[in-house]
Amino acid sequence: MSKPKMTCEEVLKQLVAYLDHETDARTAAQMERHLEECRGCCSRAEFEKGLNARVREVGSTTAPSHLRARIKKLIEKF
């Protein structure tokens, strides 16, 4: 017997895990069905995907030496 359709609240609670491929196949399939039908949740998923891509992009950039030195000084104070 298949589980009833997911609500927007259920989708949003599991969205990050779904985007990170951390849900089981059944949950992923239910999420995909919901995202195909719900414009609001689909928009949120697209936003989260873009945000994740930007964070990965920025996270791979090395901070300038003057910024690293400033941060090091702040850390040494504590």
Protein backbone atom coordinates (compact mmCIF):
# COMPACT_ATOMS: atom_id res chain seq x y z
CA MET A 1 0.00 0.00 0.00
CA SER A 2 1.48 3.38 -0.94
CA LYS A 3 1.82 6.19 1.54
CA PRO A 4 -0.44 9.21 1.07
CA LYS A 5 1.02 12.21 -0.73
CA MET A 6 3.52 14.26 1.24
CA THR A 7 2.45 17.65 2.55
CA CYS A 8 4.46 20.79 1.93
CA GLU A 9 5.50 20.75 5.59
CA GLU A 10 6.85 17.19 5.27
CA VAL A 11 8.71 18.08 2.07
CA LEU A 12 10.32 21.16 3.57
CA LYS A 13 11.42 19.23 6.67
CA GLN A 14 13.25 16.71 4.47
CA LEU A 15 14.32 18.99 1.62
CA VAL A 16 17.98 19.36 2.61
CA ALA A 17 18.38 15.61 3.14
CA TYR A 18 16.71 14.97 -0.23
CA LEU A 19 18.97 17.45 -2.04
CA ASP A 20 22.00 15.83 -0.39
CA HIS A 21 20.77 12.38 -1.55
CA GLU A 22 20.35 11.25 2.07
CA THR A 23 16.78 9.95 1.82
CA ASP A 24 15.72 6.42 1.01
CA ALA A 25 14.43 5.64 -2.47
CA ARG A 26 10.77 5.65 -1.44
CA THR A 27 11.02 9.05 0.24
CA ALA A 28 12.98 10.45 -2.71
CA ALA A 29 10.26 9.27 -5.09
CA GLN A 30 7.54 10.87 -2.95
CA MET A 31 9.55 14.10 -2.77
CA GLU A 32 10.00 14.13 -6.55
CA ARG A 33 6.27 13.62 -7.12
CA HIS A 34 5.46 16.47 -4.74
CA LEU A 35 8.03 18.80 -6.29
CA GLU A 36 6.59 18.09 -9.76
CA GLU A 37 3.13 19.10 -8.56
CA CYS A 38 3.84 21.95 -6.10
CA ARG A 39 5.23 25.17 -7.53
CA GLY A 40 5.98 26.64 -4.09
CA CYS A 41 8.04 23.69 -2.91
CA CYS A 42 9.72 23.39 -6.31
CA SER A 43 10.76 27.05 -6.10
CA ARG A 44 12.14 26.48 -2.60
CA ALA A 45 14.07 23.42 -3.81
CA GLU A 46 15.57 25.42 -6.69
CA PHE A 47 16.57 28.20 -4.28
CA GLU A 48 18.23 25.67 -1.95
CA LYS A 49 20.09 24.05 -4.87
CA GLY A 50 21.40 27.45 -5.95
CA LEU A 51 22.39 28.35 -2.42
CA ASN A 52 24.23 25.05 -1.98
CA ALA A 53 26.10 25.59 -5.25
CA ARG A 54 27.11 29.11 -4.20
CA VAL A 55 28.29 27.93 -0.77
CA ARG A 56 30.39 25.20 -2.40
CA GLU A 57 31.84 27.74 -4.81
CA VAL A 58 32.73 30.24 -2.09
CA GLY A 59 33.91 27.49 0.25
CA SER A 60 36.61 26.48 -2.21
CA THR A 61 38.01 30.02 -2.42
CA THR A 62 41.05 30.84 -0.30
CA ALA A 63 40.75 33.96 1.83
CA PRO A 64 43.28 36.73 1.15
CA SER A 65 46.39 36.66 3.35
CA HIS A 66 45.48 39.95 5.10
CA LEU A 67 42.10 38.50 6.11
CA ARG A 68 43.66 35.26 7.35
CA ALA A 69 46.17 37.28 9.42
CA ARG A 70 43.37 39.37 10.91
CA ILE A 71 41.37 36.29 11.84
CA LYS A 72 44.47 34.67 13.34
CA LYS A 73 45.03 37.73 15.56
CA LEU A 74 41.42 37.62 16.73
CA ILE A 75 41.68 33.93 17.57
CA GLU A 76 44.93 34.43 19.47
CA LYS A 77 43.19 36.99 21.73
CA PHE A 78 40.98 34.22 23.05
